[in-house]
Amino acid sequence: MNENNKQNKQTGLMVSTLASQTDNSKGKRKEITTQRKRRLEKEKQKRQEKLANETEEEKRLRLDKRNQRLQDVSQEQRETRLLADRQRHALSITNETQE
């Protein structure tokens, strides 16, 4: 009986921990800082490997496409995008400090 109580306490603790990590508005588990760091590291490594393996032709096409996109955007659109990026960045910093 004593072992069952220990297991129930541990299970209850585990359930409450998972519940605290759940985002109530979306019903998804909240990503903890170490998980986020690991995910971002994996994405960065995968991107670096992809860039290291691309040919000169692929690299030139990718950069030409990027430059063309940047030229096609008006100054007003650029400023609007930068403002939105700054706001999103400030919000993400605020969210990280709350964790």
C-alpha atoms as a PDB file:
ATOM      1  CA  MET A   1       0.000   0.000   0.000  1.00  0.00           C
ATOM      2  CA  ASN A   2       2.835   2.330   0.849  1.00  0.00           C
ATOM      3  CA  GLU A   3       4.386   1.782  -2.605  1.00  0.00           C
ATOM      4  CA  ASN A   4       1.057   2.579  -4.271  1.00  0.00           C
ATOM      5  CA  ASN A   5       0.879   5.867  -2.383  1.00  0.00           C
ATOM      6  CA  LYS A   6       4.397   6.745  -3.537  1.00  0.00           C
ATOM      7  CA  GLN A   7       3.518   5.925  -7.135  1.00  0.00           C
ATOM      8  CA  ASN A   8       0.302   7.934  -6.942  1.00  0.00           C
ATOM      9  CA  LYS A   9       2.168  10.903  -5.527  1.00  0.00           C
ATOM     10  CA  GLN A  10       4.792  10.657  -8.250  1.00  0.00           C
ATOM     11  CA  THR A  11       2.158  10.225 -10.946  1.00  0.00           C
ATOM     12  CA  GLY A  12       0.155  13.118  -9.558  1.00  0.00           C
ATOM     13  CA  LEU A  13       3.257  15.250  -9.521  1.00  0.00           C
ATOM     14  CA  MET A  14       4.045  14.244 -13.080  1.00  0.00           C
ATOM     15  CA  VAL A  15       0.496  15.022 -14.218  1.00  0.00           C
ATOM     16  CA  SER A  16       0.547  18.409 -12.517  1.00  0.00           C
ATOM     17  CA  THR A  17       3.919  19.175 -14.116  1.00  0.00           C
ATOM     18  CA  LEU A  18       2.575  18.319 -17.551  1.00  0.00           C
ATOM     19  CA  ALA A  19      -0.549  20.329 -16.867  1.00  0.00           C
ATOM     20  CA  SER A  20       1.546  23.348 -15.956  1.00  0.00           C
ATOM     21  CA  GLN A  21       3.404  22.997 -19.258  1.00  0.00           C
ATOM     22  CA  THR A  22       0.180  22.949 -21.270  1.00  0.00           C
ATOM     23  CA  ASP A  23      -0.863  26.102 -23.062  1.00  0.00           C
ATOM     24  CA  ASN A  24      -4.544  26.468 -22.128  1.00  0.00           C
ATOM     25  CA  SER A  25      -5.488  28.565 -25.145  1.00  0.00           C
ATOM     26  CA  LYS A  26      -4.245  26.048 -27.710  1.00  0.00           C
ATOM     27  CA  GLY A  27      -4.169  22.782 -25.789  1.00  0.00           C
ATOM     28  CA  LYS A  28      -0.536  22.177 -26.762  1.00  0.00           C
ATOM     29  CA  ARG A  29       2.360  21.450 -24.444  1.00  0.00           C
ATOM     30  CA  LYS A  30       4.480  24.469 -23.805  1.00  0.00           C
ATOM     31  CA  GLU A  31       8.042  24.231 -25.074  1.00  0.00           C
ATOM     32  CA  ILE A  32      10.592  24.646 -22.315  1.00  0.00           C
ATOM     33  CA  THR A  33      13.757  26.682 -22.814  1.00  0.00           C
ATOM     34  CA  THR A  34      16.131  23.741 -23.204  1.00  0.00           C
ATOM     35  CA  GLN A  35      13.820  22.098 -25.740  1.00  0.00           C
ATOM     36  CA  ARG A  36      13.644  25.338 -27.703  1.00  0.00           C
ATOM     37  CA  LYS A  37      17.425  25.745 -27.668  1.00  0.00           C
ATOM     38  CA  ARG A  38      17.924  22.172 -28.857  1.00  0.00           C
ATOM     39  CA  ARG A  39      15.330  22.559 -31.626  1.00  0.00           C
ATOM     40  CA  LEU A  40      16.932  25.787 -32.825  1.00  0.00           C
ATOM     41  CA  GLU A  41      20.416  24.230 -32.729  1.00  0.00           C
ATOM     42  CA  LYS A  42      19.208  21.315 -34.853  1.00  0.00           C
ATOM     43  CA  GLU A  43      17.570  23.666 -37.370  1.00  0.00           C
ATOM     44  CA  LYS A  44      20.721  25.792 -37.546  1.00  0.00           C
ATOM     45  CA  GLN A  45      22.947  22.749 -38.062  1.00  0.00           C
ATOM     46  CA  LYS A  46      20.655  21.364 -40.751  1.00  0.00           C
ATOM     47  CA  ARG A  47      20.647  24.725 -42.560  1.00  0.00           C
ATOM     48  CA  GLN A  48      24.459  24.993 -42.377  1.00  0.00           C
ATOM     49  CA  GLU A  49      24.851  21.483 -43.789  1.00  0.00           C
ATOM     50  CA  LYS A  50      22.457  22.299 -46.607  1.00  0.00           C
ATOM     51  CA  LEU A  51      24.354  25.490 -47.467  1.00  0.00           C
ATOM     52  CA  ALA A  52      27.707  23.693 -47.293  1.00  0.00           C
ATOM     53  CA  ASN A  53      26.507  21.057 -49.761  1.00  0.00           C
ATOM     54  CA  GLU A  54      24.938  23.393 -52.312  1.00  0.00           C
ATOM     55  CA  THR A  55      26.681  24.027 -55.619  1.00  0.00           C
ATOM     56  CA  GLU A  56      27.850  27.427 -56.828  1.00  0.00           C
ATOM     57  CA  GLU A  57      24.930  27.510 -59.271  1.00  0.00           C
ATOM     58  CA  GLU A  58      22.387  26.816 -56.511  1.00  0.00           C
ATOM     59  CA  LYS A  59      24.000  29.455 -54.313  1.00  0.00           C
ATOM     60  CA  ARG A  60      23.911  32.049 -57.094  1.00  0.00           C
ATOM     61  CA  LEU A  61      20.255  31.296 -57.862  1.00  0.00           C
ATOM     62  CA  ARG A  62      19.313  31.493 -54.177  1.00  0.00           C
ATOM     63  CA  LEU A  63      21.051  34.839 -53.704  1.00  0.00           C
ATOM     64  CA  ASP A  64      19.653  36.256 -56.966  1.00  0.00           C
ATOM     65  CA  LYS A  65      16.154  35.285 -55.877  1.00  0.00           C
ATOM     66  CA  ARG A  66      16.698  36.925 -52.469  1.00  0.00           C
ATOM     67  CA  ASN A  67      18.071  40.130 -54.012  1.00  0.00           C
ATOM     68  CA  GLN A  68      15.154  40.319 -56.450  1.00  0.00           C
ATOM     69  CA  ARG A  69      12.664  39.948 -53.590  1.00  0.00           C
ATOM     70  CA  LEU A  70      14.378  42.742 -51.671  1.00  0.00           C
ATOM     71  CA  GLN A  71      14.329  45.049 -54.702  1.00  0.00           C
ATOM     72  CA  ASP A  72      10.644  44.409 -55.350  1.00  0.00           C
ATOM     73  CA  VAL A  73       9.605  45.542 -51.862  1.00  0.00           C
ATOM     74  CA  SER A  74       8.740  49.224 -51.490  1.00  0.00           C
ATOM     75  CA  GLN A  75      10.218  51.388 -48.726  1.00  0.00           C
ATOM     76  CA  GLU A  76       6.851  51.561 -46.924  1.00  0.00           C
ATOM     77  CA  GLN A  77       6.467  47.779 -46.971  1.00  0.00           C
ATOM     78  CA  ARG A  78      10.033  47.394 -45.714  1.00  0.00           C
ATOM     79  CA  GLU A  79       9.412  49.763 -42.788  1.00  0.00           C
ATOM     80  CA  THR A  80       6.140  48.003 -41.935  1.00  0.00           C
ATOM     81  CA  ARG A  81       7.882  44.615 -41.936  1.00  0.00           C
ATOM     82  CA  LEU A  82      10.756  45.895 -39.793  1.00  0.00           C
ATOM     83  CA  LEU A  83       8.328  47.367 -37.257  1.00  0.00           C
ATOM     84  CA  ALA A  84       6.436  44.069 -37.054  1.00  0.00           C
ATOM     85  CA  ASP A  85       9.737  42.187 -36.640  1.00  0.00           C
ATOM     86  CA  ARG A  86      10.805  44.483 -33.799  1.00  0.00           C
ATOM     87  CA  GLN A  87       7.465  44.049 -32.024  1.00  0.00           C
ATOM     88  CA  ARG A  88       7.574  40.261 -32.424  1.00  0.00           C
ATOM     89  CA  HIS A  89      11.155  40.182 -31.117  1.00  0.00           C
ATOM     90  CA  ALA A  90      10.247  42.315 -28.085  1.00  0.00           C
ATOM     91  CA  LEU A  91       7.289  40.030 -27.367  1.00  0.00           C
ATOM     92  CA  SER A  92       9.432  36.894 -27.600  1.00  0.00           C
ATOM     93  CA  ILE A  93      11.970  38.384 -25.174  1.00  0.00           C
ATOM     94  CA  THR A  94       9.152  39.235 -22.766  1.00  0.00           C
ATOM     95  CA  ASN A  95       7.782  35.692 -23.000  1.00  0.00           C
ATOM     96  CA  GLU A  96      11.211  34.143 -22.394  1.00  0.00           C
ATOM     97  CA  THR A  97      11.833  36.253 -19.295  1.00  0.00           C
ATOM     98  CA  GLN A  98       8.473  35.188 -17.842  1.00  0.00           C
ATOM     99  CA  GLU A  99       9.482  31.506 -18.044  1.00  0.00           C
END
